[in-house]
Structure formats: structure tokens, C-alpha cells
Protein backbone atom coordinates (compact mmCIF):
# COMPACT_ATOMS: atom_id res chain seq x y z
CA MET A 1 35.35 -45.80 -47.09
CA ALA A 2 34.04 -43.93 -44.07
CA PRO A 3 30.53 -44.89 -43.05
CA GLN A 4 27.87 -42.35 -43.92
CA ILE A 5 26.13 -40.77 -41.00
CA PRO A 6 22.41 -40.68 -41.60
CA GLU A 7 20.81 -37.26 -41.54
CA ARG A 8 19.02 -36.52 -38.33
CA PRO A 9 15.25 -36.44 -38.61
CA SER A 10 13.70 -32.97 -38.88
CA SER A 11 11.78 -33.50 -35.62
CA LEU A 12 15.05 -33.91 -33.71
CA ARG A 13 16.57 -30.89 -35.42
CA LEU A 14 13.45 -28.89 -34.52
CA LEU A 15 13.84 -29.80 -30.83
CA GLU A 16 17.51 -28.76 -31.00
CA ARG A 17 16.59 -25.37 -32.47
CA LEU A 18 13.92 -24.85 -29.80
CA ALA A 19 16.47 -25.66 -27.11
CA ASP A 20 18.86 -23.16 -28.72
CA LEU A 21 16.13 -20.53 -28.69
CA VAL A 22 15.36 -20.97 -25.00
CA ALA A 23 19.04 -20.93 -24.05
CA ALA A 24 20.08 -18.02 -26.29
CA THR A 25 21.52 -14.99 -24.51
CA ALA A 26 21.70 -12.62 -27.49
CA VAL A 27 18.97 -11.18 -29.70
CA ASP A 28 20.49 -12.44 -32.97
CA ALA A 29 20.82 -15.96 -31.53
CA VAL A 30 17.16 -15.95 -30.50
CA LEU A 31 15.98 -14.79 -33.93
CA HIS A 32 18.26 -17.24 -35.78
CA ALA A 33 17.03 -20.20 -33.73
CA ALA A 34 13.43 -19.07 -34.23
CA VAL A 35 13.78 -18.86 -38.03
CA GLU A 36 15.47 -22.25 -38.35
CA ALA A 37 12.80 -23.81 -36.13
CA ALA A 38 10.07 -22.12 -38.21
CA CYS A 39 11.50 -23.53 -41.45
CA LEU A 40 11.65 -27.03 -39.96
CA ALA A 41 8.14 -26.81 -38.48
CA THR A 42 6.54 -25.69 -41.75
CA ALA A 43 8.83 -27.46 -44.29
CA SER A 44 9.88 -24.07 -45.69
CA ALA A 45 13.03 -23.45 -47.72
CA ARG A 46 13.79 -19.96 -46.47
CA GLY A 47 12.97 -17.62 -43.62
CA LEU A 48 13.88 -14.49 -41.72
CA ALA A 49 12.95 -12.69 -38.52
CA GLY A 50 13.37 -9.15 -37.29
CA LEU A 51 12.23 -6.50 -34.88
CA CYS A 52 9.69 -3.74 -35.34
CA GLY A 53 10.57 -0.18 -34.38
CA PRO A 54 9.05 3.26 -34.80
CA GLU A 55 10.32 3.47 -38.39
CA GLY A 56 9.08 0.04 -39.46
CA ALA A 57 10.41 -3.52 -39.56
CA ALA A 58 14.08 -4.43 -39.93
CA THR A 59 16.40 -7.41 -40.20
CA ASP A 60 20.06 -7.83 -41.11
CA ASP A 61 20.13 -11.36 -42.59
CA TRP A 62 18.00 -14.19 -43.97
CA TYR A 63 18.17 -17.99 -43.89
CA ASP A 64 18.23 -20.69 -46.57
CA GLU A 65 18.01 -24.37 -45.68
CA GLU A 66 20.88 -25.22 -48.06
CA ARG A 67 23.11 -22.13 -47.86
CA GLY A 68 22.62 -21.08 -44.27
CA TRP A 69 22.59 -17.40 -43.25
CA THR A 70 23.19 -14.56 -45.71
CA PRO A 71 23.77 -10.94 -44.57
CA ALA A 72 21.21 -8.51 -46.01
CA ARG A 73 20.11 -5.18 -44.63
CA LEU A 74 16.35 -5.28 -45.15
CA ARG A 75 14.00 -2.50 -44.07
CA TRP A 76 10.23 -2.03 -44.44
CA ALA A 77 8.88 1.42 -43.55
CA GLY A 78 5.40 1.67 -42.05
CA ASP A 79 3.20 -1.11 -43.38
CA GLU A 80 5.30 -1.94 -46.43
CA GLY A 81 5.74 -5.59 -47.26
CA ALA A 82 4.58 -8.53 -45.21
CA PRO A 83 6.85 -7.73 -42.21
CA GLY A 84 5.71 -4.11 -42.14
CA ARG A 85 2.04 -5.02 -42.35
CA VAL A 86 2.35 -7.69 -39.68
CA CYS A 87 4.16 -5.31 -37.32
CA VAL A 88 1.48 -2.65 -37.79
CA SER A 89 -1.53 -4.98 -37.57
CA ALA A 90 -0.11 -7.55 -35.10
CA THR A 91 -1.96 -10.25 -37.06
CA PRO A 92 -0.59 -13.10 -39.23
CA LEU A 93 -0.38 -12.75 -43.00
CA VAL A 94 -0.51 -15.78 -45.34
CA CYS A 95 -0.15 -15.77 -49.13
CA ASN A 96 -0.20 -18.82 -51.43
CA ALA A 97 -0.48 -17.04 -54.80
CA LEU A 98 1.00 -13.53 -54.81
CA PRO A 99 -0.33 -11.57 -57.78
CA PRO A 100 2.29 -9.48 -59.58
CA SER A 101 0.31 -6.31 -58.90
CA ALA A 102 -0.04 -6.84 -55.13
CA GLU A 103 0.90 -3.41 -53.85
CA GLY A 104 3.48 -3.43 -51.06
CA LEU A 105 3.85 -7.20 -50.94
CA PRO A 106 6.37 -8.04 -53.68
CA GLU A 107 9.10 -6.22 -51.76
CA ALA A 108 8.58 -8.67 -48.92
CA THR A 109 9.48 -11.61 -51.13
CA ASP A 110 12.48 -10.23 -53.03
CA TRP A 111 14.80 -12.01 -50.62
CA ILE A 112 13.21 -15.44 -51.21
CA GLY A 113 12.04 -15.25 -54.78
CA PHE A 114 8.85 -17.10 -53.84
CA THR A 115 5.26 -15.98 -54.00
CA ARG A 116 4.11 -18.28 -51.19
CA PHE A 117 4.88 -17.25 -47.64
CA ALA A 118 3.53 -16.92 -44.12
CA CYS A 119 4.42 -14.11 -41.69
CA VAL A 120 3.44 -13.89 -38.00
CA PRO A 121 4.03 -11.15 -35.39
CA LEU A 122 6.11 -11.41 -32.24
CA VAL A 123 3.65 -9.92 -29.78
CA PRO A 124 5.09 -8.88 -26.39
CA GLY A 125 3.93 -10.93 -23.43
CA GLY A 126 3.53 -7.85 -21.23
CA PRO A 127 3.04 -4.10 -21.64
CA ASP A 128 6.54 -3.21 -20.45
CA LEU A 129 8.64 -5.62 -22.53
CA GLY A 130 8.98 -3.17 -25.37
CA VAL A 131 9.80 -5.86 -27.98
CA ALA A 132 7.78 -6.69 -31.09
CA GLY A 133 8.85 -8.23 -34.35
CA PHE A 134 8.04 -10.85 -36.95
CA ILE A 135 8.93 -14.30 -38.30
CA GLU A 136 8.44 -15.01 -42.00
CA VAL A 137 8.94 -18.24 -43.96
CA GLY A 138 8.62 -18.92 -47.70
CA ASP A 139 8.70 -21.84 -50.09
CA ALA A 140 8.16 -22.40 -53.81
CA SER A 141 5.70 -25.26 -53.49
CA HIS A 142 4.41 -25.43 -49.92
CA VAL A 143 0.80 -24.39 -49.42
CA TYR A 144 0.46 -22.59 -46.08
CA GLY A 145 -2.64 -23.34 -44.07
CA PRO A 146 -4.12 -22.90 -40.57
CA GLY A 147 -1.84 -25.61 -39.17
CA ASP A 148 1.25 -23.67 -40.27
CA VAL A 149 -0.13 -20.49 -38.74
CA ARG A 150 -0.72 -22.28 -35.41
CA LYS A 151 2.82 -23.66 -35.40
CA LEU A 152 4.32 -20.30 -36.28
CA GLY A 153 2.11 -18.58 -33.68
CA ALA A 154 3.30 -20.90 -30.91
CA LEU A 155 6.91 -20.35 -31.99
CA ALA A 156 6.34 -16.58 -32.11
CA ARG A 157 5.02 -16.57 -28.54
CA LEU A 158 8.05 -18.52 -27.35
CA THR A 159 10.36 -16.14 -29.22
CA ALA A 160 8.64 -13.01 -27.86
CA THR A 161 8.86 -14.41 -24.34
CA ARG A 162 12.59 -15.04 -24.68
CA LEU A 163 13.19 -11.60 -26.15
CA GLY A 164 11.20 -10.13 -23.28
CA GLU A 165 13.41 -11.98 -20.80
CA LEU A 166 16.52 -10.62 -22.50
CA MET A 167 15.04 -7.13 -22.43
CA ALA A 168 14.26 -7.45 -18.71
CA ARG A 169 17.81 -8.69 -18.13
CA ALA A 170 19.21 -5.73 -20.09
CA ARG A 171 17.05 -3.38 -18.04
CA ASP A 172 18.26 -4.91 -14.76
CA GLU A 173 21.85 -4.68 -15.93
CA LEU A 174 21.28 -1.03 -16.74
CA ASP A 175 19.95 -0.46 -13.22
CA ARG A 176 23.03 -2.13 -11.73
CA ARG A 177 25.40 -0.07 -13.86
CA LEU A 178 23.68 3.18 -12.94
CA HIS A 179 23.60 2.27 -9.27
CA ALA A 180 27.31 1.44 -9.33
CA ALA A 181 28.20 4.64 -11.19
CA HIS A 182 25.90 7.13 -9.49
CA GLY A 183 24.58 5.44 -6.36
CA PRO A 184 20.91 5.30 -5.33
CA GLY A 185 20.38 8.83 -6.70
CA ALA A 186 20.21 7.52 -10.28
CA THR A 187 16.65 6.34 -9.78
CA LEU A 188 13.27 7.22 -11.18
CA LEU A 189 11.63 6.80 -7.77
CA SER A 190 12.19 10.41 -6.71
CA LEU A 191 9.16 12.56 -5.96
CA GLU A 192 10.96 15.65 -7.30
CA PRO A 193 10.20 16.17 -11.02
CA GLU A 194 13.62 17.69 -11.74
CA GLN A 195 15.40 14.72 -10.19
CA VAL A 196 13.27 12.36 -12.30
CA LEU A 197 14.28 14.29 -15.44
CA ARG A 198 17.99 14.12 -14.56
CA ALA A 199 17.74 10.40 -13.76
CA THR A 200 15.99 9.88 -17.11
CA GLU A 201 18.85 11.57 -18.92
CA GLU A 202 21.42 9.38 -17.18
CA ARG A 203 19.53 6.17 -17.99
CA LEU A 204 19.04 7.02 -21.66
CA VAL A 205 22.69 7.99 -22.12
CA ALA A 206 23.65 4.70 -20.47
CA VAL A 207 21.43 2.79 -22.92
CA LEU A 208 23.08 4.55 -25.87
CA GLY A 209 26.56 4.06 -24.47
CA GLY A 210 27.25 7.80 -24.62
CA GLY A 211 25.94 10.87 -26.36
CA GLU A 212 23.80 13.64 -24.87
CA ALA A 213 20.30 13.84 -23.46
CA LEU A 214 18.06 16.72 -22.44
CA ALA A 215 14.79 15.84 -20.67
CA LEU A 216 12.02 18.42 -20.42
CA ARG A 217 8.60 18.52 -18.81
CA VAL A 218 5.50 18.97 -20.95
CA GLU A 219 2.51 21.02 -19.86
CA GLY A 220 -0.41 20.22 -22.13
CA GLU A 221 1.41 20.18 -25.47
CA ARG A 222 3.79 22.98 -24.51
CA LEU A 223 7.44 22.40 -23.67
CA ALA A 224 8.38 23.64 -20.21
CA ALA A 225 11.89 24.39 -21.46
CA SER A 226 14.39 26.18 -19.27
CA HIS A 227 17.06 25.65 -21.95
CA THR A 228 17.54 27.48 -25.22
CA LEU A 229 16.51 25.25 -28.12
CA SER A 230 17.16 25.68 -31.82
CA GLU A 231 14.23 25.82 -34.22
CA ASP A 232 15.00 22.29 -35.44
CA GLU A 233 15.19 20.93 -31.89
CA GLU A 234 11.97 22.61 -30.76
CA ALA A 235 10.10 21.47 -33.89
CA LEU A 236 11.31 17.89 -33.45
CA LEU A 237 10.36 17.79 -29.76
CA THR A 238 6.95 19.35 -30.41
CA ASP A 239 6.27 16.82 -33.17
CA ALA A 240 7.11 13.97 -30.77
CA VAL A 241 4.77 15.39 -28.14
CA VAL A 242 1.86 15.95 -30.54
CA THR A 243 2.16 12.55 -32.26
CA ARG A 244 3.24 10.72 -29.07
CA ARG A 245 5.84 8.88 -31.13
CA SER A 246 9.61 9.13 -31.35
CA ARG A 247 10.94 11.36 -34.09
CA ARG A 248 14.37 11.44 -35.75
CA ARG A 249 16.15 14.02 -37.86
CA GLU A 250 19.57 14.04 -39.47
CA ILE A 251 21.39 17.35 -38.94
CA GLU A 252 23.90 18.52 -41.52
CA GLY A 253 26.56 21.16 -41.11
CA PRO A 254 28.21 22.25 -37.81
CA GLY A 255 27.34 19.81 -35.05
CA ASP A 256 25.89 17.39 -37.59
CA GLY A 257 24.59 14.01 -36.48
CA THR A 258 21.33 12.42 -35.44
CA LEU A 259 18.68 14.07 -33.28
CA LEU A 260 16.13 11.78 -31.65
CA ALA A 261 13.06 13.08 -29.80
CA LEU A 262 11.56 10.55 -27.40
CA PRO A 263 8.21 11.24 -25.67
CA LEU A 264 7.72 10.20 -22.04
CA PRO A 265 4.17 8.82 -22.08
CA SER A 266 1.84 8.91 -19.10
CA ALA A 267 -1.74 7.94 -18.37
CA GLY A 268 -2.80 11.50 -18.99
CA GLY A 269 -0.91 11.99 -22.26
CA VAL A 270 2.75 12.99 -22.43
CA ALA A 271 4.49 13.97 -19.20
CA GLY A 272 7.79 14.94 -20.79
CA VAL A 273 10.05 14.59 -23.80
CA VAL A 274 13.77 13.93 -24.27
CA LEU A 275 16.13 15.24 -26.94
CA LEU A 276 18.86 12.68 -27.64
CA ARG A 277 22.10 12.96 -29.59
CA PRO A 278 23.24 9.34 -30.02
CA PRO A 279 27.03 8.92 -30.31
CA ASP A 280 26.87 6.60 -33.34
CA GLY A 281 23.92 7.73 -35.41
CA ALA A 282 20.40 6.34 -35.22
CA PRO A 283 20.10 3.50 -32.67
CA ASP A 284 19.25 0.01 -33.88
CA THR A 285 15.83 -1.49 -33.29
CA TRP A 286 16.81 -3.37 -30.12
CA THR A 287 18.42 -0.30 -28.55
CA HIS A 288 15.37 1.76 -29.50
CA ALA A 289 13.17 -0.81 -27.78
CA LEU A 290 15.19 -0.42 -24.58
CA LEU A 291 15.02 3.39 -24.93
CA THR A 292 11.24 3.07 -25.22
CA ILE A 293 11.05 1.02 -22.02
CA VAL A 294 13.08 3.63 -20.14
CA ALA A 295 10.86 6.37 -21.60
CA GLU A 296 7.69 4.59 -20.43
CA GLN A 297 9.12 4.14 -16.93
CA ALA A 298 10.25 7.76 -16.86
CA GLY A 299 6.86 9.02 -18.05
CA ALA A 300 5.07 7.18 -15.24
CA ALA A 301 7.64 8.38 -12.69
CA LEU A 302 7.40 11.98 -13.92
CA GLU A 303 3.60 11.92 -13.78
CA ASN A 304 3.77 10.51 -10.25
CA ALA A 305 6.27 13.19 -9.17
CA ALA A 306 4.18 15.95 -10.78
CA SER A 307 1.03 14.65 -9.08
CA HIS A 308 2.88 14.52 -5.78
CA ALA A 309 4.08 18.11 -6.28
CA VAL A 310 0.47 19.25 -6.85
CA GLN A 311 -0.68 17.41 -3.72
CA VAL A 312 2.16 18.93 -1.72
CA ASP A 313 1.19 22.41 -2.92
CA ILE A 314 -2.47 21.81 -2.05
CA ALA A 315 -1.46 20.40 1.32
CA ARG A 316 0.80 23.39 2.00
CA ARG A 317 -1.97 25.84 1.15
CA LEU A 318 -4.47 23.98 3.34
CA GLN A 319 -1.97 23.65 6.16
CA ASP A 320 -1.22 27.36 6.03
CA ARG A 321 -4.94 27.95 6.52
CA LEU A 322 -5.23 25.30 9.22
CA ALA A 323 -2.16 26.22 11.24
CA PRO A 324 -1.28 29.83 10.43
CA ILE A 325 2.28 30.69 11.38
CA THR A 326 1.29 34.35 11.94
CA PRO A 327 -1.29 34.53 14.79
CA PRO A 328 -3.60 37.52 15.35
CA ARG A 329 -2.46 40.52 17.36
CA VAL A 330 -4.28 40.71 20.69
CA PRO A 331 -3.54 43.57 23.15
CA GLY A 332 -2.20 42.35 26.49
CA VAL A 333 -0.85 38.98 25.31
CA ASP A 334 1.99 37.85 23.03
CA LEU A 335 1.10 35.05 20.62
CA ALA A 336 3.53 32.98 18.58
CA VAL A 337 3.20 29.79 16.53
CA GLU A 338 5.85 27.32 15.40
CA TYR A 339 5.14 24.09 13.54
CA ARG A 340 7.44 21.07 13.70
CA ALA A 341 6.58 17.71 12.18
CA GLY A 342 6.82 14.76 14.56
CA THR A 343 9.12 13.06 12.06
CA PRO A 344 11.73 15.30 10.38
CA GLY A 345 10.99 15.61 6.67
CA ALA A 346 7.57 13.95 6.97
CA ALA A 347 4.56 15.31 5.14
CA ARG A 348 2.43 17.73 7.12
CA GLY A 349 -0.59 16.05 8.60
CA GLY A 350 -3.97 17.14 9.95
CA ASP A 351 -2.78 19.63 12.59
CA PHE A 352 -4.88 22.76 13.05
CA ILE A 353 -4.85 25.91 15.20
CA ASP A 354 -7.45 28.63 15.59
CA PHE A 355 -7.88 31.75 17.70
CA TYR A 356 -11.13 33.45 18.79
CA HIS A 357 -11.11 37.06 20.07
CA LEU A 358 -14.68 38.29 20.07
CA THR A 359 -14.37 40.73 22.99
CA LYS A 360 -11.45 42.64 24.45
CA GLY A 361 -11.49 40.75 27.73
CA HIS A 362 -11.16 37.16 26.53
CA LEU A 363 -9.15 35.04 24.11
CA ALA A 364 -9.96 31.44 23.15
CA LEU A 365 -7.83 29.08 21.12
CA VAL A 366 -7.77 25.47 19.97
CA VAL A 367 -4.90 23.17 18.97
CA GLY A 368 -5.97 19.95 17.28
CA ASP A 369 -4.86 17.05 15.15
CA VAL A 370 -6.69 14.65 12.84
CA SER A 371 -5.36 11.12 12.47
CA GLY A 372 -3.60 10.28 9.21
CA ARG A 373 -1.53 12.26 6.78
CA GLY A 374 -1.86 13.81 3.37
CA VAL A 375 -4.73 15.62 1.72
CA ASP A 376 -7.42 13.43 3.32
CA ALA A 377 -6.24 14.30 6.83
CA LEU A 378 -5.99 17.97 5.87
CA ALA A 379 -9.54 17.93 4.55
CA ARG A 380 -10.87 16.44 7.80
CA ALA A 381 -8.86 18.95 9.81
CA PHE A 382 -10.31 21.77 7.70
CA ILE A 383 -13.82 20.51 8.47
CA ALA A 384 -13.09 20.17 12.20
CA LYS A 385 -11.57 23.64 12.44
CA HIS A 386 -14.42 25.41 10.70
CA ILE A 387 -17.13 23.47 12.52
CA LEU A 388 -15.60 24.61 15.80
CA ARG A 389 -15.27 28.18 14.52
CA ALA A 390 -18.94 28.16 13.53
CA LEU A 391 -19.90 26.87 17.00
CA VAL A 392 -17.88 29.50 18.85
CA THR A 393 -18.55 32.55 16.68
CA GLY A 394 -22.09 31.61 15.65
CA GLY A 395 -23.51 31.66 19.17
CA GLN A 396 -24.10 27.94 19.60
CA VAL A 397 -21.48 28.03 22.36
CA SER A 398 -21.82 30.95 24.78
CA TRP A 399 -19.03 33.54 24.89
CA PRO A 400 -16.59 33.35 26.57
CA PRO A 401 -16.75 29.63 25.78
CA ARG A 402 -16.31 26.93 28.36
CA PRO A 403 -13.68 24.66 26.77
CA GLY A 404 -15.50 21.44 27.71
CA ALA A 405 -18.73 22.64 26.12
CA ALA A 406 -16.90 23.67 22.93
CA LEU A 407 -15.32 20.21 22.57
CA GLN A 408 -18.68 18.59 23.28
CA GLY A 409 -20.20 20.56 20.40
CA LEU A 410 -17.32 19.57 18.09
CA HIS A 411 -17.74 15.89 19.00
CA ASN A 412 -21.46 15.89 18.31
CA ALA A 413 -21.02 17.74 15.00
CA LEU A 414 -18.35 15.29 13.79
CA LEU A 415 -20.32 12.12 14.49
CA ASP A 416 -21.31 11.80 10.82
CA GLU A 417 -17.98 13.02 9.42
CA LEU A 418 -15.55 10.48 10.91
CA ASP A 419 -15.39 6.79 10.08
CA ALA A 420 -14.18 4.06 12.43
CA GLU A 421 -10.55 4.50 11.37
CA HIS A 422 -10.18 8.23 12.05
CA PHE A 423 -10.35 10.44 15.11
CA VAL A 424 -9.57 13.97 16.26
CA THR A 425 -7.62 15.14 19.28
CA ALA A 426 -8.05 18.72 20.47
CA LEU A 427 -7.03 21.04 23.30
CA PHE A 428 -9.30 24.04 23.88
CA ALA A 429 -8.31 27.00 26.06
CA THR A 430 -10.07 30.18 27.19
CA LEU A 431 -8.01 32.98 28.75
CA ASN A 432 -9.31 35.95 30.73
CA LEU A 433 -6.92 38.68 29.63
CA ARG A 434 -7.48 40.76 32.75
CA SER A 435 -7.19 38.15 35.51
CA GLY A 436 -5.01 35.57 33.77
CA ARG A 437 -7.59 32.88 34.47
CA LEU A 438 -6.95 30.00 32.08
CA GLN A 439 -9.53 27.28 31.46
CA LEU A 440 -8.46 24.08 29.67
CA ALA A 441 -10.19 20.99 28.30
CA SER A 442 -8.69 18.17 26.26
CA ALA A 443 -10.02 15.44 23.97
CA GLY A 444 -7.10 13.04 23.90
CA HIS A 445 -4.57 15.77 23.08
CA PRO A 446 -1.17 16.03 24.78
CA ALA A 447 -1.30 18.34 27.81
CA PRO A 448 0.21 21.82 27.43
CA ILE A 449 3.31 23.04 29.25
CA ILE A 450 3.02 26.10 31.49
CA ILE A 451 6.28 28.04 31.74
CA GLY A 452 6.48 30.15 34.90
CA ARG A 453 9.14 32.57 36.08
CA THR A 454 10.92 29.89 38.11
CA HIS A 455 9.46 26.58 37.02
CA VAL A 456 7.93 24.56 34.20
CA GLU A 457 4.93 22.34 34.77
CA ARG A 458 2.60 20.16 32.73
CA PRO A 459 -0.95 20.28 34.11
CA LEU A 460 -2.52 16.90 34.80
CA LEU A 461 -5.65 17.44 32.76
CA LEU A 462 -8.65 15.15 33.11
CA THR A 463 -8.68 14.38 29.41
CA ALA A 464 -11.57 12.72 27.62
CA PRO A 465 -11.07 10.23 24.75
CA PRO A 466 -10.27 11.57 21.27
CA ILE A 467 -13.28 12.63 19.27
CA GLY A 468 -14.47 9.74 17.13
CA VAL A 469 -13.13 6.92 19.32
CA GLU A 470 -16.61 6.48 20.83
CA PRO A 471 -18.77 7.77 17.99
CA THR A 472 -22.07 6.24 19.08
CA ALA A 473 -22.44 8.08 22.38
CA GLU A 474 -23.30 11.75 22.52
CA LEU A 475 -20.57 13.23 24.63
CA ASN A 476 -21.21 15.25 27.75
CA ALA A 477 -19.19 18.37 28.33
CA HIS A 478 -15.48 17.58 28.72
CA PRO A 479 -13.95 18.20 32.13
CA THR A 480 -12.70 21.78 32.33
CA GLU A 481 -9.83 22.71 34.62
CA THR A 482 -8.73 26.16 35.68
CA TYR A 483 -5.27 27.69 36.19
CA THR A 484 -4.11 31.22 36.79
CA LEU A 485 -1.30 32.69 34.69
CA ALA A 486 0.73 35.45 36.25
CA ARG A 487 2.09 38.25 34.07
CA GLY A 488 5.15 36.98 32.20
CA GLU A 489 4.08 33.32 32.31
CA SER A 490 3.12 31.35 29.22
């Protein structure tokens, strides 16, 4: 007779199941290990675990200590049953004497046949994991108390963490697949809203393993659709935007199948929405969780791109006012303006230009730049330009202005406007249109180039420091130098 092998103690089996849970590389393996560990930890006869999605809780099998795993497609819509209620409330639910009339709860125990059970939520460990579910155990005689809830809670946290790790791994794998298939362009990091929408479509189709996707921007609660939508499609998308939840509809007839509307959430509401046609019907809960993660990333990226587009438009409008491409027409002199960024493709900074033609005999102009880039630099440049215009045209600087005196007035006016990290460079010029006498003064700005009939020269101006570099001292008039331009020179 073969010797009988003694049964391993439950504590050892519990450690083995916990090790299986931590090492599992598939969702089903994680949930199975979690349920078996939960039954051992609470001395329960049966258990199950599942994931929570937009349509409720779901699982595909349940566990019995004697029989092992049994396939069973179980679904709880909304807050039906213990799993549904736990997924909605994210709080544990314990019952030791289920009354026959307990609305919504008997369905949760049909699979175990017991009226005593404990159910705890799998709460994600971070806002971007996109995974939530439940673990439930039941027994005919066990009385569930606070100690069982603590054990199940600790196990639920471990399970949620492992599911989150698997979700992050799936997300990274998706990034690698998209990068290999489409190159760096398949990214949500673009600052162009249309490129973000196209990248969103590619990522969602990759998650589904096929099918079709159409991503649209949302303005308020209105679809910014450039595509023709059917009534069913538009109603489904609008419902997803208004409720800020995914919506699904089964389409019958020509082109039948599943339509899924997925909102792209943002801090300000809903930045966009996607119409999906999955290749194999409604996605399972795990796939939907990954779709939700992509949607959240896409919503943030789309909001960022839209915000950038607004800033670019504001910056363009300000820059057009600061550095007008079309200069004024002044008899006796040809004026032209061309703007080129120091770095090709870079955002326009705080450059500004202005012309002053108060009398027929003289023309004054300024070319300046404020340190920094973006809307802040443009705002400072706008202030600098209009302070100088007020000085020159308002009589605080005599006409025709001496360039050094004009820059002195700008420096003194900006003392309270610039902090220690910002400064302004400026070149001021006054031209006598009859004699060609040109007066120049600079505050840290690059010297101009004078183009003659036979030569090109760069005057060696006695430049003063940029405005704001020495903010505590009231500046004396900048050195002003004089040149004479012959007709035809510039």
C-alpha cells in the first residue's frame, strides 16, 4: 500500500496562492489565484471574482473548494447583486443572514446557494490604471466579521495592484506595437488636435484588434463633426458626451454589429468622443478597461492640443499687432518688414516693431525684443511697445525724438513692469527724410546693417545694457550716434 501524503496545511496553500497571484501574467490567472486565496483566508467553501465595467460587474466562472472551477457567465447590471453594489459603491458588503425578500441580493448568491457571504471591491491603486472589480466568498456556516473583511481587503489591494501592473504592461505593449507599425507619428503628444484625433483612432483600433474608429472634437456639448453621421450614430455620440460615459448600441440590418461611443474626458468636461465598430461585438470588461485608459490619455492630450491652438492663435494676433508685416506708407522712403524666427519652427517670441511719422520731415522707428517666449513674452512686448508709443506721440519725448532720450523714457517706465528674470532690448532710430540724417541708439539690441551702393557696414554703436538688467538705477539718456544715408541706401 502506497503511503498517504498528508494534506498540506491551509496556511501553506494560502502562501502558494499568493505567490501565484503575484507571478500571474494573465487576468484570469490573477483572479483565480485571488479567489482561491480568499477562500483559504476566510475558510469559505466557494468564491468568485470579476471586473467592473460601464455596464456592471461580470465574471465567467466560479470556484468551489471541492470541485474546482466551473464556467458560468454571470453578469450584474448597475448595482444589482452584491458584485454590482460593491462595484458602484466601492465599499465592502457583508451578509450573514440574507432575508428572502432582500431586493437585488439573492441574484448574487444563486451561484453558491448560501445566504452568508462577503464581497469586497478591487479599488485601483492609481487614477490611470482603469481596473476595478470585486472578490466575493460564501459559506453555509461561516459567520463573516471584521477580521474577514480586513483579510479580504488586503487581498483585494494586492489583486488590484497586480491587475494595474498588467494593465500598464498592456499599455506599454500597445505603445511598442504602434511605434513599430506607424513610427513616432502614432503618438498622443502632438500639439495639433487633428493629429491627436488620428492617433487616438489608431490606438483604439489596436486595442480592439481591428474594427473602425472615428474620433471627433467636442465643443461644449456639440459634436464638431466633419463627417456625415447617421441619426443612430449622432444620438449615441451625443448621449456619451452628455452623460460622460461610454454607450453601446446593437445595430440590426445592413451593416449590423455593435456601435460603441467612448467619451474622451478632460479637466474641463469632454474634449472629444470616439465612435467605435468593434470587429467581434461588444468588448469584454478587460478590453473596455484598456479602451478607457486610452480615452483618458487622449482626452488630456486633446485638451492640451486645443489649449495650445488657442494660445498660438492669441500669440499670432498679438504678434501681428506687435510686429506688423505691412508697414505704413511714408513719402520719400520705402519701408518693408520681414519676420524670421531665430530657430526655424519655433514659437514667435516677444519681438516688436513700431513706426512714428508725426510730421512730413521725420520718421522714427523702434525694433525690440522681450526675453522669453509665448504669451507672457508677447504681453510684456505689448506693454513695452505701447509705453514707448505713448512717450513719443504723447509729448513726453520731444519730436523729432532723440533715440537715446526715448530709450531712457522706456527704461524708466518699465522699472515696475519687469522682474529680475526678464529684460528688453531695443534699437531706436530717427530719420530726417530730407537730409538722410540717421540717429541711432541701442539698449542691448544687435546693431543694424547699413547697405550702401558699393558696400555693407554694421555701425559700431555705443550700446547700453538691455532694459531691466540694471533695474535699480534710473538710466541716463542712451548714447546716440549719427549717420547719413544717401539716396538709394538702406
